[in-house]
């Protein structure tokens, strides 16, 4: 893939995790933390990030394409609507843990907007690493 260039506006340095439109962007540091728990199922594509008129070379950034999509949505316990075949407007999110026990980072299958999930183990490692920008929400506290 050709390099994608992102322009960061504002005075603060970019966090280790952020969204640029639909792109999930991670720093080299966060990529290393994720790779320590899960090597397969995620594609990383290099980005050129510009901030304050300069290309950031201090940290490399990547678009992280999470290829693992699990059908772990609990259709009976969750409250939601549908848009055709897709899950939409979730009022209450319940995940069937038995379907995602051994995976540290994945997307919930068949949702209109992507919902990225991380295991407790990966959440702890990201928090312990000092990576900035990630907010972890328990499924029962998740809001559309």
N, C-alpha and C. Protein backbone atom coordinates (compact mmCIF):
# COMPACT_ATOMS: atom_id res chain seq x y z
N UNK A 1 0.82 -1.18 0.00
CA UNK A 1 0.00 0.00 0.00
C UNK A 1 0.87 1.25 0.00
N UNK A 2 0.44 2.27 -0.71
CA UNK A 2 1.19 3.53 -0.63
C UNK A 2 0.99 4.16 0.73
N UNK A 3 1.93 4.96 1.11
CA UNK A 3 1.81 5.67 2.40
C UNK A 3 0.63 6.61 2.39
N UNK A 4 -0.05 6.68 3.49
CA UNK A 4 -1.13 7.63 3.69
C UNK A 4 -0.58 8.73 4.58
N UNK A 5 -0.89 9.96 4.24
CA UNK A 5 -0.40 11.08 5.03
C UNK A 5 -1.55 11.68 5.82
N UNK A 6 -1.34 11.87 7.12
CA UNK A 6 -2.32 12.49 8.00
C UNK A 6 -1.76 13.80 8.53
N UNK A 7 -2.60 14.80 8.61
CA UNK A 7 -2.22 16.08 9.18
C UNK A 7 -2.92 16.23 10.52
N UNK A 8 -2.15 16.36 11.59
CA UNK A 8 -2.68 16.55 12.94
C UNK A 8 -2.76 18.05 13.19
N UNK A 9 -3.97 18.53 13.48
CA UNK A 9 -4.14 19.94 13.80
C UNK A 9 -4.23 20.09 15.31
N UNK A 10 -3.82 21.19 15.81
CA UNK A 10 -3.84 21.41 17.25
C UNK A 10 -2.43 21.47 17.79
N UNK A 11 -2.33 21.81 19.07
CA UNK A 11 -1.01 21.99 19.68
C UNK A 11 -0.47 20.75 20.35
N UNK A 12 -1.33 19.84 20.78
CA UNK A 12 -0.88 18.65 21.51
C UNK A 12 -0.29 17.61 20.57
N UNK A 13 0.72 16.91 21.06
CA UNK A 13 1.26 15.80 20.30
C UNK A 13 0.20 14.72 20.19
N UNK A 14 0.20 13.94 19.11
CA UNK A 14 -0.81 12.87 18.98
C UNK A 14 -0.60 11.78 20.02
N UNK A 15 -1.72 11.19 20.44
CA UNK A 15 -1.68 10.08 21.40
C UNK A 15 -1.19 8.82 20.69
N UNK A 16 -1.03 7.75 21.45
CA UNK A 16 -0.60 6.46 20.88
C UNK A 16 -1.74 5.76 20.16
N UNK A 17 -2.97 6.22 20.40
CA UNK A 17 -4.14 5.66 19.73
C UNK A 17 -5.10 6.79 19.42
N UNK A 18 -5.60 6.83 18.19
CA UNK A 18 -6.67 7.76 17.83
C UNK A 18 -7.31 7.28 16.54
N UNK A 19 -8.49 7.82 16.29
CA UNK A 19 -9.18 7.56 15.02
C UNK A 19 -8.95 8.75 14.11
N UNK A 20 -8.69 8.49 12.84
CA UNK A 20 -8.65 9.50 11.80
C UNK A 20 -9.75 9.11 10.82
N UNK A 21 -10.94 9.68 11.04
CA UNK A 21 -12.11 9.21 10.30
C UNK A 21 -12.34 7.75 10.68
N UNK A 22 -12.44 6.87 9.71
CA UNK A 22 -12.66 5.45 10.04
C UNK A 22 -11.37 4.67 10.35
N UNK A 23 -10.21 5.32 10.20
CA UNK A 23 -8.94 4.62 10.41
C UNK A 23 -8.57 4.57 11.88
N UNK A 24 -8.25 3.40 12.36
CA UNK A 24 -7.75 3.20 13.71
C UNK A 24 -6.24 3.37 13.63
N UNK A 25 -5.70 4.39 14.28
CA UNK A 25 -4.28 4.73 14.18
C UNK A 25 -3.58 4.39 15.49
N UNK A 26 -2.44 3.69 15.39
CA UNK A 26 -1.66 3.32 16.57
C UNK A 26 -0.20 3.73 16.36
N UNK A 27 0.44 4.05 17.48
CA UNK A 27 1.87 4.37 17.44
C UNK A 27 2.69 3.09 17.44
N UNK A 28 3.97 3.25 17.18
CA UNK A 28 4.91 2.12 17.26
C UNK A 28 4.86 1.48 18.65
N UNK A 29 4.78 2.34 19.67
CA UNK A 29 4.75 1.85 21.06
C UNK A 29 3.53 0.97 21.31
N UNK A 30 2.34 1.42 20.89
CA UNK A 30 1.13 0.63 21.10
C UNK A 30 1.14 -0.62 20.24
N UNK A 31 1.66 -0.51 19.04
CA UNK A 31 1.77 -1.69 18.17
C UNK A 31 2.60 -2.77 18.86
N UNK A 32 3.68 -2.37 19.52
CA UNK A 32 4.52 -3.33 20.24
C UNK A 32 3.78 -4.00 21.39
N UNK A 33 2.97 -3.24 22.11
CA UNK A 33 2.18 -3.82 23.21
C UNK A 33 1.19 -4.83 22.66
N UNK A 34 0.50 -4.47 21.60
CA UNK A 34 -0.48 -5.39 21.00
C UNK A 34 0.21 -6.64 20.49
N UNK A 35 1.34 -6.46 19.82
CA UNK A 35 2.08 -7.60 19.27
C UNK A 35 2.56 -8.56 20.36
N UNK A 36 2.74 -8.05 21.58
CA UNK A 36 3.15 -8.91 22.68
C UNK A 36 2.06 -9.88 23.12
N UNK A 37 0.82 -9.61 22.75
CA UNK A 37 -0.29 -10.50 23.13
C UNK A 37 -0.93 -11.18 21.93
N UNK A 38 -0.79 -10.57 20.75
CA UNK A 38 -1.48 -11.11 19.57
C UNK A 38 -0.71 -10.73 18.32
N UNK A 39 -0.19 -11.73 17.64
CA UNK A 39 0.60 -11.46 16.44
C UNK A 39 -0.22 -11.56 15.16
N UNK A 40 -1.27 -12.38 15.16
CA UNK A 40 -2.02 -12.62 13.93
C UNK A 40 -3.36 -11.88 13.97
N UNK A 41 -3.90 -11.63 12.78
CA UNK A 41 -5.22 -11.05 12.68
C UNK A 41 -5.26 -9.54 12.67
N UNK A 42 -4.09 -8.89 12.65
CA UNK A 42 -4.04 -7.43 12.56
C UNK A 42 -3.02 -7.06 11.50
N UNK A 43 -3.45 -6.23 10.55
CA UNK A 43 -2.54 -5.72 9.53
C UNK A 43 -2.16 -4.29 9.92
N UNK A 44 -0.90 -3.97 9.77
CA UNK A 44 -0.42 -2.62 10.05
C UNK A 44 0.09 -2.00 8.76
N UNK A 45 -0.37 -0.79 8.47
CA UNK A 45 0.05 -0.07 7.28
C UNK A 45 0.63 1.28 7.71
N UNK A 46 1.87 1.52 7.29
CA UNK A 46 2.59 2.73 7.71
C UNK A 46 1.87 4.00 7.26
N UNK A 47 1.89 4.98 8.14
CA UNK A 47 1.31 6.30 7.87
C UNK A 47 2.39 7.36 8.01
N UNK A 48 2.22 8.41 7.26
CA UNK A 48 3.05 9.59 7.45
C UNK A 48 2.20 10.58 8.24
N UNK A 49 2.65 10.94 9.43
CA UNK A 49 1.88 11.86 10.28
C UNK A 49 2.63 13.19 10.35
N UNK A 50 1.90 14.26 10.01
CA UNK A 50 2.45 15.61 10.05
C UNK A 50 1.80 16.37 11.19
N UNK A 51 2.64 17.06 11.96
CA UNK A 51 2.16 17.85 13.08
C UNK A 51 3.02 19.10 13.17
N UNK A 52 2.37 20.24 13.27
CA UNK A 52 3.07 21.54 13.35
C UNK A 52 4.02 21.72 12.17
N UNK A 53 3.58 21.28 10.99
CA UNK A 53 4.36 21.48 9.76
C UNK A 53 5.50 20.52 9.53
N UNK A 54 5.67 19.54 10.42
CA UNK A 54 6.78 18.60 10.28
C UNK A 54 6.26 17.17 10.27
N UNK A 55 7.00 16.30 9.59
CA UNK A 55 6.69 14.88 9.63
C UNK A 55 7.21 14.34 10.96
N UNK A 56 6.36 13.63 11.69
CA UNK A 56 6.77 13.09 12.98
C UNK A 56 7.63 11.84 12.76
N UNK A 57 8.87 11.93 13.15
CA UNK A 57 9.78 10.80 13.03
C UNK A 57 10.06 10.17 14.39
N UNK A 58 9.72 10.90 15.45
CA UNK A 58 9.95 10.41 16.81
C UNK A 58 9.18 9.11 17.06
N UNK A 59 7.95 9.06 16.57
CA UNK A 59 7.12 7.86 16.69
C UNK A 59 6.58 7.52 15.32
N UNK A 60 6.67 6.26 14.95
CA UNK A 60 6.03 5.82 13.73
C UNK A 60 4.57 5.52 14.04
N UNK A 61 3.70 5.78 13.08
CA UNK A 61 2.28 5.52 13.24
C UNK A 61 1.80 4.59 12.13
N UNK A 62 0.75 3.83 12.47
CA UNK A 62 0.21 2.84 11.54
C UNK A 62 -1.31 2.86 11.57
N UNK A 63 -1.90 2.58 10.43
CA UNK A 63 -3.32 2.25 10.36
C UNK A 63 -3.38 0.78 10.75
N UNK A 64 -4.15 0.46 11.78
CA UNK A 64 -4.29 -0.93 12.24
C UNK A 64 -5.61 -1.47 11.73
N UNK A 65 -5.54 -2.44 10.84
CA UNK A 65 -6.72 -3.10 10.30
C UNK A 65 -6.95 -4.38 11.10
N UNK A 66 -7.96 -4.37 11.94
CA UNK A 66 -8.27 -5.54 12.77
C UNK A 66 -9.11 -6.49 11.93
N UNK A 67 -8.49 -7.58 11.51
CA UNK A 67 -9.13 -8.52 10.58
C UNK A 67 -9.99 -9.56 11.29
N UNK A 68 -9.79 -9.73 12.59
CA UNK A 68 -10.57 -10.72 13.32
C UNK A 68 -11.92 -10.13 13.68
N UNK A 69 -12.96 -10.78 13.19
CA UNK A 69 -14.33 -10.36 13.44
C UNK A 69 -15.06 -11.56 14.04
N UNK A 70 -15.50 -11.43 15.28
CA UNK A 70 -16.13 -12.56 15.98
C UNK A 70 -17.63 -12.37 16.13
N UNK A 71 -18.36 -13.44 15.94
CA UNK A 71 -19.81 -13.44 16.13
C UNK A 71 -20.09 -13.72 17.61
N UNK A 72 -19.79 -12.74 18.44
CA UNK A 72 -19.89 -12.91 19.89
C UNK A 72 -20.99 -12.03 20.49
N UNK A 73 -21.75 -11.36 19.65
CA UNK A 73 -22.85 -10.51 20.10
C UNK A 73 -23.95 -11.41 20.65
N UNK A 74 -24.40 -11.14 21.87
CA UNK A 74 -25.47 -11.94 22.48
C UNK A 74 -26.81 -11.34 22.04
N UNK A 75 -27.42 -11.95 21.04
CA UNK A 75 -28.65 -11.43 20.43
C UNK A 75 -29.83 -11.47 21.40
N UNK A 76 -29.83 -12.41 22.32
CA UNK A 76 -30.97 -12.55 23.24
C UNK A 76 -30.90 -11.54 24.39
N UNK A 77 -29.71 -11.25 24.89
CA UNK A 77 -29.57 -10.37 26.06
C UNK A 77 -29.32 -8.91 25.70
N UNK A 78 -28.87 -8.65 24.49
CA UNK A 78 -28.61 -7.28 24.05
C UNK A 78 -29.91 -6.62 23.60
N UNK A 79 -29.92 -5.30 23.61
CA UNK A 79 -31.04 -4.53 23.08
C UNK A 79 -30.51 -3.70 21.92
N UNK A 80 -31.13 -3.84 20.75
CA UNK A 80 -30.59 -3.25 19.53
C UNK A 80 -31.67 -3.23 18.44
N UNK A 81 -31.36 -2.55 17.36
CA UNK A 81 -32.20 -2.63 16.17
C UNK A 81 -31.33 -3.19 15.05
N UNK A 82 -31.95 -3.40 13.92
CA UNK A 82 -31.22 -3.92 12.76
C UNK A 82 -31.34 -2.96 11.59
N UNK A 83 -30.31 -2.95 10.79
CA UNK A 83 -30.33 -2.26 9.51
C UNK A 83 -30.01 -3.34 8.48
N UNK A 84 -31.03 -3.97 7.96
CA UNK A 84 -30.83 -5.12 7.08
C UNK A 84 -30.25 -6.27 7.91
N UNK A 85 -29.11 -6.76 7.50
CA UNK A 85 -28.44 -7.86 8.21
C UNK A 85 -27.53 -7.37 9.34
N UNK A 86 -27.37 -6.06 9.45
CA UNK A 86 -26.41 -5.52 10.41
C UNK A 86 -27.06 -5.10 11.72
N UNK A 87 -26.31 -5.23 12.81
CA UNK A 87 -26.73 -4.78 14.14
C UNK A 87 -26.52 -3.27 14.18
N UNK A 88 -27.54 -2.55 14.66
CA UNK A 88 -27.48 -1.10 14.65
C UNK A 88 -28.13 -0.57 15.93
N UNK A 89 -27.84 0.66 16.27
CA UNK A 89 -28.46 1.36 17.41
C UNK A 89 -28.56 0.47 18.66
N UNK A 90 -27.42 0.10 19.17
CA UNK A 90 -27.36 -0.78 20.34
C UNK A 90 -27.68 0.02 21.60
N UNK A 91 -28.69 -0.39 22.32
CA UNK A 91 -29.07 0.25 23.59
C UNK A 91 -28.40 -0.46 24.77
N UNK A 92 -28.23 -1.77 24.62
CA UNK A 92 -27.56 -2.58 25.65
C UNK A 92 -26.69 -3.60 24.94
N UNK A 93 -25.39 -3.57 25.24
CA UNK A 93 -24.43 -4.47 24.60
C UNK A 93 -24.06 -5.59 25.56
N UNK A 94 -24.29 -6.82 25.12
CA UNK A 94 -23.88 -8.00 25.89
C UNK A 94 -23.07 -8.88 24.95
N UNK A 95 -21.91 -9.29 25.42
CA UNK A 95 -21.01 -10.14 24.63
C UNK A 95 -21.01 -11.53 25.22
N UNK A 96 -21.07 -12.53 24.35
CA UNK A 96 -20.96 -13.93 24.77
C UNK A 96 -19.47 -14.24 24.91
N UNK A 97 -18.97 -14.19 26.15
CA UNK A 97 -17.54 -14.37 26.41
C UNK A 97 -17.01 -15.73 25.94
N UNK A 98 -17.86 -16.73 25.88
CA UNK A 98 -17.40 -18.06 25.47
C UNK A 98 -16.94 -18.07 24.02
N UNK A 99 -17.33 -17.07 23.24
CA UNK A 99 -16.96 -17.03 21.82
C UNK A 99 -15.72 -16.19 21.54
N UNK A 100 -15.13 -15.60 22.57
CA UNK A 100 -13.96 -14.74 22.34
C UNK A 100 -12.90 -14.88 23.42
N UNK A 101 -12.88 -16.00 24.11
CA UNK A 101 -11.98 -16.18 25.26
C UNK A 101 -10.50 -16.09 24.92
N UNK A 102 -10.08 -16.61 23.80
CA UNK A 102 -8.65 -16.68 23.50
C UNK A 102 -8.15 -15.60 22.56
N UNK A 103 -8.96 -14.57 22.34
CA UNK A 103 -8.58 -13.51 21.41
C UNK A 103 -8.44 -12.20 22.19
N UNK A 104 -7.34 -11.50 21.96
CA UNK A 104 -7.07 -10.28 22.71
C UNK A 104 -7.59 -9.01 22.06
N UNK A 105 -7.74 -9.00 20.74
CA UNK A 105 -8.21 -7.81 20.04
C UNK A 105 -9.02 -8.24 18.83
N UNK A 106 -10.27 -7.74 18.73
CA UNK A 106 -11.16 -8.16 17.64
C UNK A 106 -12.28 -7.15 17.46
N UNK A 107 -13.00 -7.32 16.37
CA UNK A 107 -14.21 -6.54 16.12
C UNK A 107 -15.41 -7.46 16.31
N UNK A 108 -16.53 -6.89 16.74
CA UNK A 108 -17.76 -7.66 16.83
C UNK A 108 -18.33 -7.75 15.41
N UNK A 109 -18.66 -8.96 14.99
CA UNK A 109 -19.16 -9.19 13.63
C UNK A 109 -20.55 -8.59 13.44
N UNK A 110 -20.82 -8.21 12.22
CA UNK A 110 -22.14 -7.79 11.75
C UNK A 110 -22.70 -6.55 12.44
N UNK A 111 -21.83 -5.63 12.85
CA UNK A 111 -22.32 -4.36 13.40
C UNK A 111 -22.22 -3.29 12.32
N UNK A 112 -23.17 -2.37 12.32
CA UNK A 112 -23.20 -1.30 11.33
C UNK A 112 -21.94 -0.44 11.45
N UNK A 113 -21.64 0.00 12.66
CA UNK A 113 -20.39 0.71 12.93
C UNK A 113 -19.45 -0.25 13.65
N UNK A 114 -18.15 -0.21 13.33
CA UNK A 114 -17.23 -1.16 13.96
C UNK A 114 -17.13 -0.96 15.47
N UNK A 115 -17.18 -2.07 16.19
CA UNK A 115 -16.98 -2.07 17.64
C UNK A 115 -15.74 -2.92 17.90
N UNK A 116 -14.69 -2.28 18.42
CA UNK A 116 -13.42 -2.95 18.69
C UNK A 116 -13.41 -3.37 20.15
N UNK A 117 -13.05 -4.62 20.40
CA UNK A 117 -13.00 -5.15 21.77
C UNK A 117 -11.59 -5.63 22.08
N UNK A 118 -11.20 -5.44 23.34
CA UNK A 118 -9.89 -5.89 23.82
C UNK A 118 -10.10 -6.73 25.07
N UNK A 119 -9.27 -7.74 25.24
CA UNK A 119 -9.34 -8.58 26.43
C UNK A 119 -8.89 -7.79 27.65
N UNK A 120 -9.25 -8.26 28.83
CA UNK A 120 -8.80 -7.62 30.08
C UNK A 120 -7.28 -7.62 30.15
N UNK A 121 -6.69 -8.71 29.69
CA UNK A 121 -5.22 -8.84 29.70
C UNK A 121 -4.57 -7.74 28.86
N UNK A 122 -5.09 -7.55 27.63
CA UNK A 122 -4.52 -6.52 26.76
C UNK A 122 -4.78 -5.13 27.32
N UNK A 123 -5.96 -4.88 27.85
CA UNK A 123 -6.26 -3.57 28.46
C UNK A 123 -5.26 -3.25 29.55
N UNK A 124 -4.98 -4.21 30.40
CA UNK A 124 -4.03 -3.99 31.51
C UNK A 124 -2.64 -3.69 30.96
N UNK A 125 -2.22 -4.43 29.95
CA UNK A 125 -0.88 -4.21 29.40
C UNK A 125 -0.78 -2.83 28.75
N UNK A 126 -1.84 -2.39 28.08
CA UNK A 126 -1.81 -1.06 27.47
C UNK A 126 -1.74 0.01 28.55
N UNK A 127 -2.55 -0.12 29.60
CA UNK A 127 -2.52 0.86 30.70
C UNK A 127 -1.16 0.86 31.39
N UNK A 128 -0.59 -0.32 31.64
CA UNK A 128 0.71 -0.41 32.31
C UNK A 128 1.84 0.16 31.45
N UNK A 129 1.68 0.14 30.13
CA UNK A 129 2.73 0.62 29.23
C UNK A 129 2.83 2.14 29.18
N UNK A 130 1.80 2.82 29.63
CA UNK A 130 1.79 4.28 29.57
C UNK A 130 1.34 4.83 28.23
N UNK A 131 0.84 3.97 27.36
CA UNK A 131 0.30 4.45 26.08
C UNK A 131 -0.88 5.37 26.35
N UNK A 132 -0.98 6.42 25.56
CA UNK A 132 -2.04 7.41 25.76
C UNK A 132 -3.09 7.31 24.64
N UNK A 133 -4.33 7.67 24.98
CA UNK A 133 -5.38 7.76 23.99
C UNK A 133 -6.43 6.67 24.05
N UNK A 134 -6.15 5.58 24.73
CA UNK A 134 -7.11 4.48 24.80
C UNK A 134 -8.04 4.66 25.99
N UNK A 135 -9.32 4.42 25.75
CA UNK A 135 -10.33 4.43 26.80
C UNK A 135 -11.00 3.06 26.76
N UNK A 136 -11.04 2.40 27.89
CA UNK A 136 -11.62 1.06 27.95
C UNK A 136 -12.96 1.11 28.67
N UNK A 137 -13.96 0.54 28.03
CA UNK A 137 -15.32 0.56 28.56
C UNK A 137 -15.83 -0.87 28.65
N UNK A 138 -16.39 -1.22 29.79
CA UNK A 138 -16.99 -2.54 29.94
C UNK A 138 -18.24 -2.61 29.07
N UNK A 139 -18.54 -3.78 28.51
CA UNK A 139 -19.72 -3.88 27.64
C UNK A 139 -21.00 -3.35 28.26
N UNK A 140 -21.21 -3.57 29.56
CA UNK A 140 -22.46 -3.12 30.18
C UNK A 140 -22.49 -1.59 30.37
N UNK A 141 -21.37 -0.90 30.15
CA UNK A 141 -21.33 0.56 30.26
C UNK A 141 -21.24 1.22 28.87
N UNK A 142 -21.20 0.40 27.85
CA UNK A 142 -21.03 0.89 26.49
C UNK A 142 -22.32 1.58 26.03
N UNK A 143 -22.16 2.71 25.33
CA UNK A 143 -23.31 3.44 24.81
C UNK A 143 -23.11 3.74 23.34
N UNK A 144 -24.20 3.68 22.59
CA UNK A 144 -24.18 3.96 21.15
C UNK A 144 -23.98 5.43 20.93
